[in-house]
Each structure stands twice: as structure tokens, then as C-alpha cells.
C-alpha atoms as a PDB file:
ATOM      1  CA  MET A   1     -23.685  50.221 142.870  1.00  0.00           C
ATOM      2  CA  ARG A   2     -24.259  53.624 144.371  1.00  0.00           C
ATOM      3  CA  LEU A   3     -23.353  55.190 140.995  1.00  0.00           C
ATOM      4  CA  ILE A   4     -25.831  52.944 139.136  1.00  0.00           C
ATOM      5  CA  ASN A   5     -28.567  53.797 141.598  1.00  0.00           C
ATOM      6  CA  GLY A   6     -27.707  57.438 141.167  1.00  0.00           C
ATOM      7  CA  ARG A   7     -28.020  57.133 137.392  1.00  0.00           C
ATOM      8  CA  ILE A   8     -31.374  55.332 137.718  1.00  0.00           C
ATOM      9  CA  ALA A   9     -32.601  58.058 140.032  1.00  0.00           C
ATOM     10  CA  ALA A  10     -31.455  60.696 137.563  1.00  0.00           C
ATOM     11  CA  VAL A  11     -33.218  58.911 134.686  1.00  0.00           C
ATOM     12  CA  VAL A  12     -36.426  58.547 136.717  1.00  0.00           C
ATOM     13  CA  ALA A  13     -36.250  62.202 137.731  1.00  0.00           C
ATOM     14  CA  GLY A  14     -35.766  63.149 134.110  1.00  0.00           C
ATOM     15  CA  LEU A  15     -38.773  61.104 133.084  1.00  0.00           C
ATOM     16  CA  VAL A  16     -40.912  62.670 135.797  1.00  0.00           C
ATOM     17  CA  ILE A  17     -39.828  66.160 134.728  1.00  0.00           C
ATOM     18  CA  GLY A  18     -40.485  65.256 131.105  1.00  0.00           C
ATOM     19  CA  MET A  19     -43.915  63.898 131.954  1.00  0.00           C
ATOM     20  CA  GLY A  20     -44.656  67.027 133.968  1.00  0.00           C
ATOM     21  CA  ALA A  21     -43.643  69.232 131.071  1.00  0.00           C
ATOM     22  CA  ALA A  22     -45.823  67.220 128.695  1.00  0.00           C
ATOM     23  CA  ALA A  23     -48.726  67.454 131.109  1.00  0.00           C
ATOM     24  CA  ALA A  24     -48.165  71.201 131.428  1.00  0.00           C
ATOM     25  CA  GLN A  25     -48.489  71.505 127.672  1.00  0.00           C
ATOM     26  CA  GLU A  26     -51.891  69.792 127.661  1.00  0.00           C
ATOM     27  CA  PRO A  27     -54.584  72.441 127.105  1.00  0.00           C
ATOM     28  CA  ILE A  28     -56.936  73.375 129.924  1.00  0.00           C
ATOM     29  CA  VAL A  29     -60.361  72.069 128.908  1.00  0.00           C
ATOM     30  CA  ILE A  30     -63.499  74.118 129.578  1.00  0.00           C
ATOM     31  CA  LYS A  31     -66.717  72.216 128.949  1.00  0.00           C
ATOM     32  CA  PHE A  32     -69.399  74.802 128.149  1.00  0.00           C
ATOM     33  CA  SER A  33     -72.857  73.204 128.244  1.00  0.00           C
ATOM     34  CA  HIS A  34     -76.141  74.849 127.261  1.00  0.00           C
ATOM     35  CA  VAL A  35     -79.691  73.808 126.375  1.00  0.00           C
ATOM     36  CA  VAL A  36     -80.522  75.817 123.239  1.00  0.00           C
ATOM     37  CA  ALA A  37     -79.683  75.551 119.555  1.00  0.00           C
ATOM     38  CA  PRO A  38     -76.358  76.852 118.176  1.00  0.00           C
ATOM     39  CA  LYS A  39     -78.041  79.552 116.059  1.00  0.00           C
ATOM     40  CA  THR A  40     -79.559  81.471 118.950  1.00  0.00           C
ATOM     41  CA  PRO A  41     -78.052  84.428 120.845  1.00  0.00           C
ATOM     42  CA  LYS A  42     -76.718  82.108 123.554  1.00  0.00           C
ATOM     43  CA  GLY A  43     -75.472  79.518 121.080  1.00  0.00           C
ATOM     44  CA  LEU A  44     -73.695  82.143 118.991  1.00  0.00           C
ATOM     45  CA  GLY A  45     -72.194  83.721 122.114  1.00  0.00           C
ATOM     46  CA  ALA A  46     -70.846  80.377 123.329  1.00  0.00           C
ATOM     47  CA  ASP A  47     -69.226  79.690 119.972  1.00  0.00           C
ATOM     48  CA  LYS A  48     -67.712  83.193 119.901  1.00  0.00           C
ATOM     49  CA  PHE A  49     -66.276  82.698 123.393  1.00  0.00           C
ATOM     50  CA  LYS A  50     -64.706  79.411 122.273  1.00  0.00           C
ATOM     51  CA  GLU A  51     -63.108  81.102 119.273  1.00  0.00           C
ATOM     52  CA  LEU A  52     -61.719  84.038 121.280  1.00  0.00           C
ATOM     53  CA  ALA A  53     -60.635  82.035 124.339  1.00  0.00           C
ATOM     54  CA  GLU A  54     -58.581  79.639 122.241  1.00  0.00           C
ATOM     55  CA  LYS A  55     -57.128  82.532 120.232  1.00  0.00           C
ATOM     56  CA  TYR A  56     -56.149  84.756 123.169  1.00  0.00           C
ATOM     57  CA  THR A  57     -54.625  81.932 125.225  1.00  0.00           C
ATOM     58  CA  GLY A  58     -52.630  80.675 122.254  1.00  0.00           C
ATOM     59  CA  GLY A  59     -54.260  77.266 122.471  1.00  0.00           C
ATOM     60  CA  LYS A  60     -53.537  76.840 126.186  1.00  0.00           C
ATOM     61  CA  VAL A  61     -57.296  76.602 126.698  1.00  0.00           C
ATOM     62  CA  LYS A  62     -59.663  74.399 124.742  1.00  0.00           C
ATOM     63  CA  VAL A  63     -63.379  75.181 124.980  1.00  0.00           C
ATOM     64  CA  GLU A  64     -65.785  72.347 124.201  1.00  0.00           C
ATOM     65  CA  VAL A  65     -69.308  73.661 123.533  1.00  0.00           C
ATOM     66  CA  TYR A  66     -72.235  71.255 124.009  1.00  0.00           C
ATOM     67  CA  PRO A  67     -75.543  72.784 122.764  1.00  0.00           C
ATOM     68  CA  ASN A  68     -79.117  71.470 122.717  1.00  0.00           C
ATOM     69  CA  SER A  69     -78.960  69.684 126.101  1.00  0.00           C
ATOM     70  CA  GLN A  70     -76.388  67.227 124.702  1.00  0.00           C
ATOM     71  CA  LEU A  71     -74.864  66.804 128.157  1.00  0.00           C
ATOM     72  CA  TYR A  72     -77.463  68.017 130.655  1.00  0.00           C
ATOM     73  CA  LYS A  73     -81.067  69.212 130.720  1.00  0.00           C
ATOM     74  CA  ASP A  74     -82.289  72.319 132.541  1.00  0.00           C
ATOM     75  CA  LYS A  75     -82.701  70.679 135.921  1.00  0.00           C
ATOM     76  CA  GLU A  76     -79.365  68.836 135.786  1.00  0.00           C
ATOM     77  CA  GLU A  77     -76.871  71.385 134.512  1.00  0.00           C
ATOM     78  CA  MET A  78     -76.486  73.498 137.661  1.00  0.00           C
ATOM     79  CA  GLU A  79     -75.630  70.486 139.817  1.00  0.00           C
ATOM     80  CA  ALA A  80     -73.187  69.313 137.142  1.00  0.00           C
ATOM     81  CA  LEU A  81     -71.416  72.682 137.333  1.00  0.00           C
ATOM     82  CA  GLN A  82     -71.212  72.643 141.118  1.00  0.00           C
ATOM     83  CA  LEU A  83     -69.795  69.110 141.022  1.00  0.00           C
ATOM     84  CA  GLY A  84     -67.241  70.105 138.394  1.00  0.00           C
ATOM     85  CA  ALA A  85     -68.599  67.794 135.675  1.00  0.00           C
ATOM     86  CA  VAL A  86     -68.747  70.886 133.441  1.00  0.00           C
ATOM     87  CA  GLN A  87     -66.896  74.133 133.962  1.00  0.00           C
ATOM     88  CA  MET A  88     -69.162  76.707 132.323  1.00  0.00           C
ATOM     89  CA  LEU A  89     -72.890  77.281 131.765  1.00  0.00           C
ATOM     90  CA  ALA A  90     -75.157  80.087 130.617  1.00  0.00           C
ATOM     91  CA  PRO A  91     -78.443  79.249 132.369  1.00  0.00           C
ATOM     92  CA  SER A  92     -81.530  81.417 132.305  1.00  0.00           C
ATOM     93  CA  LEU A  93     -81.623  83.898 135.157  1.00  0.00           C
ATOM     94  CA  ALA A  94     -84.761  82.117 136.379  1.00  0.00           C
ATOM     95  CA  LYS A  95     -82.576  79.139 137.363  1.00  0.00           C
ATOM     96  CA  PHE A  96     -81.023  80.881 140.357  1.00  0.00           C
ATOM     97  CA  GLY A  97     -84.201  81.143 142.417  1.00  0.00           C
ATOM     98  CA  PRO A  98     -84.423  77.374 142.999  1.00  0.00           C
ATOM     99  CA  LEU A  99     -80.693  77.460 143.833  1.00  0.00           C
ATOM    100  CA  GLY A 100     -81.416  79.805 146.725  1.00  0.00           C
ATOM    101  CA  ALA A 101     -80.473  83.122 145.086  1.00  0.00           C
ATOM    102  CA  ARG A 102     -84.026  84.440 144.841  1.00  0.00           C
ATOM    103  CA  GLU A 103     -82.863  87.972 144.114  1.00  0.00           C
ATOM    104  CA  PHE A 104     -82.299  86.931 140.477  1.00  0.00           C
ATOM    105  CA  GLU A 105     -86.038  86.421 140.107  1.00  0.00           C
ATOM    106  CA  VAL A 106     -86.354  90.193 139.792  1.00  0.00           C
ATOM    107  CA  PHE A 107     -85.603  89.583 136.095  1.00  0.00           C
ATOM    108  CA  ASP A 108     -88.767  87.452 135.871  1.00  0.00           C
ATOM    109  CA  LEU A 109     -91.128  90.232 136.927  1.00  0.00           C
ATOM    110  CA  PRO A 110     -93.531  90.956 134.052  1.00  0.00           C
ATOM    111  CA  PHE A 111     -93.101  94.240 132.176  1.00  0.00           C
ATOM    112  CA  ILE A 112     -90.307  95.450 134.500  1.00  0.00           C
ATOM    113  CA  PHE A 113     -87.961  96.338 131.631  1.00  0.00           C
ATOM    114  CA  PRO A 114     -89.547  98.711 129.101  1.00  0.00           C
ATOM    115  CA  ASP A 115     -86.665  98.262 126.657  1.00  0.00           C
ATOM    116  CA  ARG A 116     -83.071  97.033 126.229  1.00  0.00           C
ATOM    117  CA  ASN A 117     -81.560 100.296 127.460  1.00  0.00           C
ATOM    118  CA  ALA A 118     -83.353  99.914 130.786  1.00  0.00           C
ATOM    119  CA  LEU A 119     -82.167  96.332 130.996  1.00  0.00           C
ATOM    120  CA  ALA A 120     -78.519  97.318 130.388  1.00  0.00           C
ATOM    121  CA  LYS A 121     -78.673  99.732 133.345  1.00  0.00           C
ATOM    122  CA  ILE A 122     -79.196  96.706 135.570  1.00  0.00           C
ATOM    123  CA  THR A 123     -76.945  94.082 133.984  1.00  0.00           C
ATOM    124  CA  LYS A 124     -74.018  96.481 133.448  1.00  0.00           C
ATOM    125  CA  GLY A 125     -74.447  98.417 136.681  1.00  0.00           C
ATOM    126  CA  PRO A 126     -74.048  97.889 140.439  1.00  0.00           C
ATOM    127  CA  VAL A 127     -77.247  95.843 140.768  1.00  0.00           C
ATOM    128  CA  GLY A 128     -75.909  93.226 138.355  1.00  0.00           C
ATOM    129  CA  LYS A 129     -72.566  93.039 140.181  1.00  0.00           C
ATOM    130  CA  ASP A 130     -74.254  92.688 143.575  1.00  0.00           C
ATOM    131  CA  LEU A 131     -76.396  89.844 142.264  1.00  0.00           C
ATOM    132  CA  PHE A 132     -73.313  87.900 141.128  1.00  0.00           C
ATOM    133  CA  LYS A 133     -71.912  88.119 144.669  1.00  0.00           C
ATOM    134  CA  LYS A 134     -74.912  86.069 145.841  1.00  0.00           C
ATOM    135  CA  LEU A 135     -73.574  83.078 143.861  1.00  0.00           C
ATOM    136  CA  GLU A 136     -70.109  82.833 145.421  1.00  0.00           C
ATOM    137  CA  SER A 137     -71.287  80.908 148.495  1.00  0.00           C
ATOM    138  CA  LYS A 138     -72.775  78.318 146.119  1.00  0.00           C
ATOM    139  CA  GLY A 139     -69.385  77.632 144.507  1.00  0.00           C
ATOM    140  CA  ILE A 140     -70.242  79.710 141.428  1.00  0.00           C
ATOM    141  CA  THR A 141     -68.545  82.739 139.863  1.00  0.00           C
ATOM    142  CA  GLY A 142     -70.621  85.002 137.629  1.00  0.00           C
ATOM    143  CA  LEU A 143     -68.818  86.269 134.546  1.00  0.00           C
ATOM    144  CA  ALA A 144     -71.351  88.055 132.337  1.00  0.00           C
ATOM    145  CA  TYR A 145     -74.996  88.681 131.492  1.00  0.00           C
ATOM    146  CA  TRP A 146     -76.130  87.698 128.013  1.00  0.00           C
ATOM    147  CA  ASP A 147     -79.388  88.876 126.465  1.00  0.00           C
ATOM    148  CA  ASN A 148     -81.847  86.623 124.785  1.00  0.00           C
ATOM    149  CA  GLY A 149     -84.757  88.957 124.412  1.00  0.00           C
ATOM    150  CA  PHE A 150     -88.357  89.626 125.314  1.00  0.00           C
ATOM    151  CA  LYS A 151     -90.899  86.836 125.541  1.00  0.00           C
ATOM    152  CA  ILE A 152     -94.059  86.278 123.556  1.00  0.00           C
ATOM    153  CA  PHE A 153     -96.946  83.884 124.179  1.00  0.00           C
ATOM    154  CA  SER A 154     -98.226  81.129 121.919  1.00  0.00           C
ATOM    155  CA  ALA A 155    -101.274  78.850 122.144  1.00  0.00           C
ATOM    156  CA  ASN A 156    -103.755  76.947 120.010  1.00  0.00           C
ATOM    157  CA  LYS A 157    -106.321  79.740 120.337  1.00  0.00           C
ATOM    158  CA  PRO A 158    -106.170  83.524 119.889  1.00  0.00           C
ATOM    159  CA  ILE A 159    -104.739  85.247 122.998  1.00  0.00           C
ATOM    160  CA  LYS A 160    -105.232  88.957 122.459  1.00  0.00           C
ATOM    161  CA  ARG A 161    -106.167  89.899 126.020  1.00  0.00           C
ATOM    162  CA  PRO A 162    -105.267  88.417 129.432  1.00  0.00           C
ATOM    163  CA  ASP A 163    -108.703  86.790 129.759  1.00  0.00           C
ATOM    164  CA  ASP A 164    -107.883  84.622 126.751  1.00  0.00           C
ATOM    165  CA  MET A 165    -105.284  82.787 128.878  1.00  0.00           C
ATOM    166  CA  LEU A 166    -107.928  81.521 131.300  1.00  0.00           C
ATOM    167  CA  GLY A 167    -107.548  77.793 131.988  1.00  0.00           C
ATOM    168  CA  LEU A 168    -104.600  77.209 129.633  1.00  0.00           C
ATOM    169  CA  LYS A 169    -101.765  74.942 130.765  1.00  0.00           C
ATOM    170  CA  VAL A 170     -98.687  77.106 130.204  1.00  0.00           C
ATOM    171  CA  ARG A 171     -95.114  75.829 130.219  1.00  0.00           C
ATOM    172  CA  ILE A 172     -92.749  77.885 132.358  1.00  0.00           C
ATOM    173  CA  GLN A 173     -89.248  77.595 133.698  1.00  0.00           C
ATOM    174  CA  SER A 174     -88.972  76.736 137.375  1.00  0.00           C
ATOM    175  CA  SER A 175     -89.608  80.138 138.959  1.00  0.00           C
ATOM    176  CA  LYS A 176     -92.079  81.172 141.643  1.00  0.00           C
ATOM    177  CA  VAL A 177     -92.383  84.577 139.991  1.00  0.00           C
ATOM    178  CA  LEU A 178     -93.298  83.043 136.635  1.00  0.00           C
ATOM    179  CA  GLU A 179     -95.720  80.758 138.453  1.00  0.00           C
ATOM    180  CA  ALA A 180     -97.394  83.791 140.046  1.00  0.00           C
ATOM    181  CA  GLN A 181     -97.489  85.523 136.652  1.00  0.00           C
ATOM    182  CA  ILE A 182     -99.345  82.645 134.987  1.00  0.00           C
ATOM    183  CA  LYS A 183    -101.754  82.313 137.905  1.00  0.00           C
ATOM    184  CA  ALA A 184    -102.487  86.054 137.699  1.00  0.00           C
ATOM    185  CA  LEU A 185    -103.723  85.381 134.152  1.00  0.00           C
ATOM    186  CA  GLY A 186    -106.020  82.602 135.358  1.00  0.00           C
ATOM    187  CA  ALA A 187    -103.880  79.980 133.634  1.00  0.00           C
ATOM    188  CA  ILE A 188    -102.153  76.870 134.986  1.00  0.00           C
ATOM    189  CA  PRO A 189     -98.335  76.960 135.228  1.00  0.00           C
ATOM    190  CA  GLN A 190     -96.503  73.791 134.176  1.00  0.00           C
ATOM    191  CA  VAL A 191     -92.760  73.504 134.857  1.00  0.00           C
ATOM    192  CA  MET A 192     -91.099  71.575 132.029  1.00  0.00           C
ATOM    193  CA  ALA A 193     -87.553  71.157 130.687  1.00  0.00           C
ATOM    194  CA  PHE A 194     -86.883  73.230 127.579  1.00  0.00           C
ATOM    195  CA  SER A 195     -85.938  70.112 125.601  1.00  0.00           C
ATOM    196  CA  GLU A 196     -89.404  68.619 126.261  1.00  0.00           C
ATOM    197  CA  VAL A 197     -91.543  71.613 125.263  1.00  0.00           C
ATOM    198  CA  TYR A 198     -92.037  70.759 121.582  1.00  0.00           C
ATOM    199  CA  GLN A 199     -93.366  67.308 122.376  1.00  0.00           C
ATOM    200  CA  GLY A 200     -95.489  68.713 125.191  1.00  0.00           C
ATOM    201  CA  LEU A 201     -97.143  71.156 122.804  1.00  0.00           C
ATOM    202  CA  GLN A 202     -97.513  68.550 120.068  1.00  0.00           C
ATOM    203  CA  THR A 203     -99.198  66.010 122.342  1.00  0.00           C
ATOM    204  CA  GLY A 204    -101.360  68.511 124.235  1.00  0.00           C
ATOM    205  CA  VAL A 205     -99.690  67.941 127.609  1.00  0.00           C
ATOM    206  CA  ILE A 206     -99.378  71.742 127.625  1.00  0.00           C
ATOM    207  CA  ASP A 207    -101.506  74.276 125.736  1.00  0.00           C
ATOM    208  CA  SER A 208     -99.223  77.269 125.671  1.00  0.00           C
ATOM    209  CA  GLN A 209     -95.685  78.519 126.251  1.00  0.00           C
ATOM    210  CA  GLU A 210     -93.747  81.764 126.621  1.00  0.00           C
ATOM    211  CA  ASN A 211     -90.357  82.310 125.032  1.00  0.00           C
ATOM    212  CA  THR A 212     -88.332  84.556 122.785  1.00  0.00           C
ATOM    213  CA  PRO A 213     -88.909  84.386 119.013  1.00  0.00           C
ATOM    214  CA  SER A 214     -85.408  82.960 118.413  1.00  0.00           C
ATOM    215  CA  ASN A 215     -86.011  80.081 120.833  1.00  0.00           C
ATOM    216  CA  MET A 216     -89.501  79.496 119.420  1.00  0.00           C
ATOM    217  CA  PHE A 217     -88.287  79.398 115.842  1.00  0.00           C
ATOM    218  CA  THR A 218     -85.178  77.249 116.303  1.00  0.00           C
ATOM    219  CA  GLN A 219     -87.154  74.718 118.365  1.00  0.00           C
ATOM    220  CA  LYS A 220     -90.082  74.813 115.878  1.00  0.00           C
ATOM    221  CA  PHE A 221     -92.663  75.605 118.570  1.00  0.00           C
ATOM    222  CA  HIS A 222     -94.545  77.715 116.013  1.00  0.00           C
ATOM    223  CA  GLU A 223     -95.236  74.568 114.000  1.00  0.00           C
ATOM    224  CA  VAL A 224     -97.357  73.103 116.806  1.00  0.00           C
ATOM    225  CA  GLN A 225     -99.101  76.318 117.947  1.00  0.00           C
ATOM    226  CA  LYS A 226    -101.859  77.948 115.910  1.00  0.00           C
ATOM    227  CA  ASN A 227    -101.574  81.395 117.494  1.00  0.00           C
ATOM    228  CA  THR A 228     -98.766  83.652 118.698  1.00  0.00           C
ATOM    229  CA  THR A 229     -99.092  87.029 120.389  1.00  0.00           C
ATOM    230  CA  VAL A 230     -96.208  89.511 120.524  1.00  0.00           C
ATOM    231  CA  THR A 231     -96.687  90.545 124.148  1.00  0.00           C
ATOM    232  CA  ARG A 232     -93.031  91.231 125.086  1.00  0.00           C
ATOM    233  CA  HIS A 233     -94.280  90.771 128.638  1.00  0.00           C
ATOM    234  CA  GLY A 234     -91.123  89.365 130.133  1.00  0.00           C
ATOM    235  CA  TYR A 235     -87.420  89.021 129.649  1.00  0.00           C
ATOM    236  CA  ILE A 236     -85.152  86.030 129.168  1.00  0.00           C
ATOM    237  CA  GLY A 237     -81.501  86.575 129.874  1.00  0.00           C
ATOM    238  CA  TYR A 238     -78.628  84.358 130.847  1.00  0.00           C
ATOM    239  CA  ALA A 239     -75.796  84.525 133.322  1.00  0.00           C
ATOM    240  CA  VAL A 240     -72.549  83.038 132.088  1.00  0.00           C
ATOM    241  CA  ILE A 241     -71.206  81.253 135.147  1.00  0.00           C
ATOM    242  CA  VAL A 242     -68.214  79.112 135.940  1.00  0.00           C
ATOM    243  CA  ASN A 243     -67.270  76.659 138.676  1.00  0.00           C
ATOM    244  CA  LYS A 244     -65.614  78.910 141.271  1.00  0.00           C
ATOM    245  CA  LYS A 245     -62.955  76.411 142.368  1.00  0.00           C
ATOM    246  CA  PHE A 246     -61.948  75.800 138.749  1.00  0.00           C
ATOM    247  CA  TRP A 247     -61.883  79.518 137.937  1.00  0.00           C
ATOM    248  CA  ASP A 248     -59.896  80.493 141.030  1.00  0.00           C
ATOM    249  CA  GLY A 249     -57.390  77.725 140.279  1.00  0.00           C
ATOM    250  CA  LEU A 250     -56.509  79.019 136.819  1.00  0.00           C
ATOM    251  CA  PRO A 251     -53.164  80.793 136.283  1.00  0.00           C
ATOM    252  CA  GLY A 252     -53.642  84.553 136.512  1.00  0.00           C
ATOM    253  CA  ASP A 253     -52.526  85.232 132.936  1.00  0.00           C
ATOM    254  CA  ILE A 254     -54.949  82.629 131.578  1.00  0.00           C
ATOM    255  CA  ARG A 255     -57.826  84.105 133.571  1.00  0.00           C
ATOM    256  CA  THR A 256     -57.001  87.585 132.260  1.00  0.00           C
ATOM    257  CA  GLN A 257     -57.172  86.363 128.660  1.00  0.00           C
ATOM    258  CA  LEU A 258     -60.421  84.487 129.333  1.00  0.00           C
ATOM    259  CA  ASP A 259     -61.930  87.633 130.875  1.00  0.00           C
ATOM    260  CA  LYS A 260     -61.005  89.511 127.703  1.00  0.00           C
ATOM    261  CA  ALA A 261     -62.572  86.780 125.550  1.00  0.00           C
ATOM    262  CA  MET A 262     -65.737  86.825 127.682  1.00  0.00           C
ATOM    263  CA  ASP A 263     -66.076  90.626 127.477  1.00  0.00           C
ATOM    264  CA  GLU A 264     -65.879  90.521 123.683  1.00  0.00           C
ATOM    265  CA  ALA A 265     -68.154  87.469 123.397  1.00  0.00           C
ATOM    266  CA  THR A 266     -70.697  89.270 125.610  1.00  0.00           C
ATOM    267  CA  ASP A 267     -70.732  92.354 123.381  1.00  0.00           C
ATOM    268  CA  TYR A 268     -71.162  90.067 120.385  1.00  0.00           C
ATOM    269  CA  ALA A 269     -73.946  87.929 121.919  1.00  0.00           C
ATOM    270  CA  ASN A 270     -75.885  90.979 123.049  1.00  0.00           C
ATOM    271  CA  SER A 271     -75.510  92.702 119.685  1.00  0.00           C
ATOM    272  CA  VAL A 272     -76.892  89.743 117.770  1.00  0.00           C
ATOM    273  CA  SER A 273     -79.784  88.968 120.137  1.00  0.00           C
ATOM    274  CA  LYS A 274     -82.105  91.686 118.788  1.00  0.00           C
ATOM    275  CA  GLN A 275     -81.251  90.824 115.197  1.00  0.00           C
ATOM    276  CA  GLU A 276     -81.783  87.097 115.772  1.00  0.00           C
ATOM    277  CA  ASN A 277     -85.151  87.678 117.449  1.00  0.00           C
ATOM    278  CA  ASP A 278     -86.341  90.126 114.777  1.00  0.00           C
ATOM    279  CA  GLU A 279     -85.352  87.678 112.041  1.00  0.00           C
ATOM    280  CA  ALA A 280     -86.923  84.733 113.875  1.00  0.00           C
ATOM    281  CA  LEU A 281     -90.233  86.580 114.326  1.00  0.00           C
ATOM    282  CA  ALA A 282     -90.221  87.431 110.621  1.00  0.00           C
ATOM    283  CA  GLU A 283     -89.609  83.778 109.757  1.00  0.00           C
ATOM    284  CA  ILE A 284     -92.392  82.651 112.107  1.00  0.00           C
ATOM    285  CA  LYS A 285     -94.796  85.028 110.335  1.00  0.00           C
ATOM    286  CA  LYS A 286     -93.524  83.930 106.931  1.00  0.00           C
ATOM    287  CA  SER A 287     -94.042  80.242 107.739  1.00  0.00           C
ATOM    288  CA  GLY A 288     -97.827  80.654 107.877  1.00  0.00           C
ATOM    289  CA  LYS A 289     -98.024  77.886 110.476  1.00  0.00           C
ATOM    290  CA  THR A 290     -99.108  80.189 113.288  1.00  0.00           C
ATOM    291  CA  GLU A 291    -101.141  83.394 113.187  1.00  0.00           C
ATOM    292  CA  VAL A 292     -99.092  86.214 114.730  1.00  0.00           C
ATOM    293  CA  TYR A 293    -100.980  88.985 116.529  1.00  0.00           C
ATOM    294  CA  GLU A 294     -99.380  92.365 117.339  1.00  0.00           C
ATOM    295  CA  MET A 295    -100.939  94.045 120.383  1.00  0.00           C
ATOM    296  CA  THR A 296    -102.697  97.394 120.283  1.00  0.00           C
ATOM    297  CA  ASP A 297    -102.051 100.023 122.970  1.00  0.00           C
ATOM    298  CA  ALA A 298    -105.339  99.016 124.605  1.00  0.00           C
ATOM    299  CA  ASP A 299    -104.254  95.373 124.636  1.00  0.00           C
ATOM    300  CA  LYS A 300    -100.954  96.253 126.293  1.00  0.00           C
ATOM    301  CA  ALA A 301    -102.719  98.323 128.935  1.00  0.00           C
ATOM    302  CA  ALA A 302    -104.908  95.311 129.760  1.00  0.00           C
ATOM    303  CA  TRP A 303    -101.877  93.007 130.086  1.00  0.00           C
ATOM    304  CA  LEU A 304    -100.072  95.550 132.279  1.00  0.00           C
ATOM    305  CA  LYS A 305    -103.087  95.900 134.541  1.00  0.00           C
ATOM    306  CA  ALA A 306    -103.359  92.121 134.918  1.00  0.00           C
ATOM    307  CA  LEU A 307     -99.664  91.485 135.597  1.00  0.00           C
ATOM    308  CA  LYS A 308     -98.328  94.535 137.477  1.00  0.00           C
ATOM    309  CA  PRO A 309     -99.707  93.263 140.846  1.00  0.00           C
ATOM    310  CA  VAL A 310     -97.214  90.375 140.581  1.00  0.00           C
ATOM    311  CA  HIS A 311     -94.438  92.867 141.415  1.00  0.00           C
ATOM    312  CA  LYS A 312     -95.892  93.652 144.824  1.00  0.00           C
ATOM    313  CA  GLU A 313     -96.888  90.043 145.448  1.00  0.00           C
ATOM    314  CA  MET A 314     -93.354  88.768 144.820  1.00  0.00           C
ATOM    315  CA  THR A 315     -91.350  91.527 146.529  1.00  0.00           C
ATOM    316  CA  SER A 316     -91.088  89.662 149.832  1.00  0.00           C
ATOM    317  CA  ARG A 317     -89.783  86.572 148.014  1.00  0.00           C
ATOM    318  CA  ILE A 318     -87.242  88.353 145.791  1.00  0.00           C
ATOM    319  CA  GLY A 319     -86.196  90.786 148.494  1.00  0.00           C
ATOM    320  CA  LYS A 320     -87.409  94.356 148.938  1.00  0.00           C
ATOM    321  CA  GLU A 321     -83.850  95.685 148.753  1.00  0.00           C
ATOM    322  CA  THR A 322     -83.306  94.180 145.280  1.00  0.00           C
ATOM    323  CA  VAL A 323     -86.699  95.212 143.893  1.00  0.00           C
ATOM    324  CA  ASP A 324     -86.269  98.756 145.256  1.00  0.00           C
ATOM    325  CA  ALA A 325     -82.750  98.964 143.765  1.00  0.00           C
ATOM    326  CA  VAL A 326     -84.071  98.033 140.312  1.00  0.00           C
ATOM    327  CA  TYR A 327     -86.990 100.451 140.609  1.00  0.00           C
ATOM    328  CA  ARG A 328     -84.626 103.286 141.615  1.00  0.00           C
ATOM    329  CA  GLU A 329     -82.187 102.537 138.807  1.00  0.00           C
ATOM    330  CA  LEU A 330     -84.985 102.513 136.218  1.00  0.00           C
ATOM    331  CA  GLY A 331     -86.947 105.435 137.670  1.00  0.00           C
ATOM    332  CA  LEU A 332     -90.047 103.283 138.208  1.00  0.00           C
ATOM    333  CA  THR A 333     -92.821 103.944 140.711  1.00  0.00           C
ATOM    334  CA  ASN A 334     -94.995 101.445 142.587  1.00  0.00           C
END
């Protein structure tokens, strides 16, 4: 009897070991959710990360990419990440202010980055690293900064100078800095999920919006706006973030390969962002559905004069230390 029981125990143990081995062979799934179309800088970057992550881990990791708010809208995705319902996101940098990391709102300041080289000094330097540390207490690990590009305005009337924005209802992301920016123009800020903007413009719930050309074109905003002005007044970038508990729990060798995949996907996403935006702006012009206005030097000076005070107004909210660090790094003066 004791021998039979011993054999049963051995069989059961063998089954358990076998089941464990089978389970160990199951790929680690990373759900990567985002709110934009696949053929945008973020969408292309997410797909590139999937390709490289699965390649470098030899199939030990499977990345499932969910674009176009298929899983979660703007307001829902951050909570989903913190709860572990998804493992990876690439939200706009404006999303971290409402989360309590107001320092990220420095990226929302109008006209703070004169060009992409200035921007890279921040995202690839010590300021960018310090900002990611602010997320750890929220259960989030920052992996990379991805560019989208510089924003332009659209409306159903010509908007050549700041005064032309007076009284317009303008869709913004949830950001106190963006709210202050729109108010400085005499317009009315309206927070709205990205997935709802097209309908909002079409029905007149909002009059205007600000976004990058690639986002405007892929979402067809230009088809329901008569006028577009290439202001390049602000920046939209993303932080690729991951659930900290999930990330810390990965085997070290897997994490090393995923870091490698993310580094390469970041270089790729950032290299295509300018091209995608240039091509999208050309397509918007070519469509003939919206009249595109390129600013003169005098126009730009007027926009700068109207919006520069937002920097000083928002410094206490963002944090003087962060604003000063960016100013020093870029050689700017108050």
C-alpha cells in the first residue's frame, strides 16, 4: 500500500512538474494600449517595439498592441496601467499632471522648445531622467520618451494672430498649463478625450483644436475644420511607461532584452515622427478641405508675446526647480 501511495505521489509530482514546465514555456504577455492610429509616430513605435521585443526574447514575450482607444480612452488608460489591466502605455506627457507629477507639465509650456535639438537635450539628459523618478511612487516605471511633434491650431475661421482665437471653444488635453495657454489667447479651453474630438468638431461642440499634423490627418480633423495655422506653438510627446510591479518582476535577462528593444524602437519612433508630420501636413494641404496658413515672422512674434507670460504664471505649479533646470539646459532667459 505504501508503495502504491509512493507511486501515486511520484506520478502527481511528475504531473505538477510537467505542468510547471508547460506554464514556464507560456510567453509573457505585454498589453500595450494607446489612443492614436497605427500610422502615427506613436503607433509605428509601438509596432516596432512589438517586433523587436518578440525577436530579442526569442518568443518568450508576446506584445499585444491595441491602438485607437480599443481598450481604454485617455482618462481610463492610466488607471488601467496602475491596476495591472494593461502593462504598457505611451500617454502624452500632459497626462502626468493630473496624476500628481506636475513637473511633466513643463513640456506643455508654449514655445519652450525652439526645435527638436533643444527638445532632445531635455528628454535624453538628466532632466528627463529626474522626471521619470517622479513616477516610481505611483507604481510606474518610465522607459523612454517618444516624439510626436509640434502642434498647430485649426478652426472654422482664419486664425493668423492670437486675437483671432478670442471666444473660440478649444479642445485640449487635461492640463492646467494648456488651460492657461488657451485662456491667455482669450479662448475657452474644453477638455475632451482624443477619440471624441472629430465628432466634437463636426457637431460644433468645440470650435477649434491643437494637435500635430500626423494626429490631425489620421483622425481626419482637417475634414471638419475650414482653417489651419502652422503655429508650432507647443509640443506633444509621449512617455513609454510600464507597470512597475510587472516590470520589476520580470527575469533579468528578459528585462535586458526588452530594454534593448525599447532603445531601438525609440530611435525608430523619433526618426519617423518628423517625416510623418511633414507628410501629413502636405496631405492636409493637398486635400483642399482646409486652408493652411503659414505664419510670418511678425505673426510668430505676436503669438510669442501673447503666450510667453504663461511660463511665469505656471512656474509655481510645475515647480521652479524643474522650469529653471529646463531653462538652464536650453540657455533660455526669463
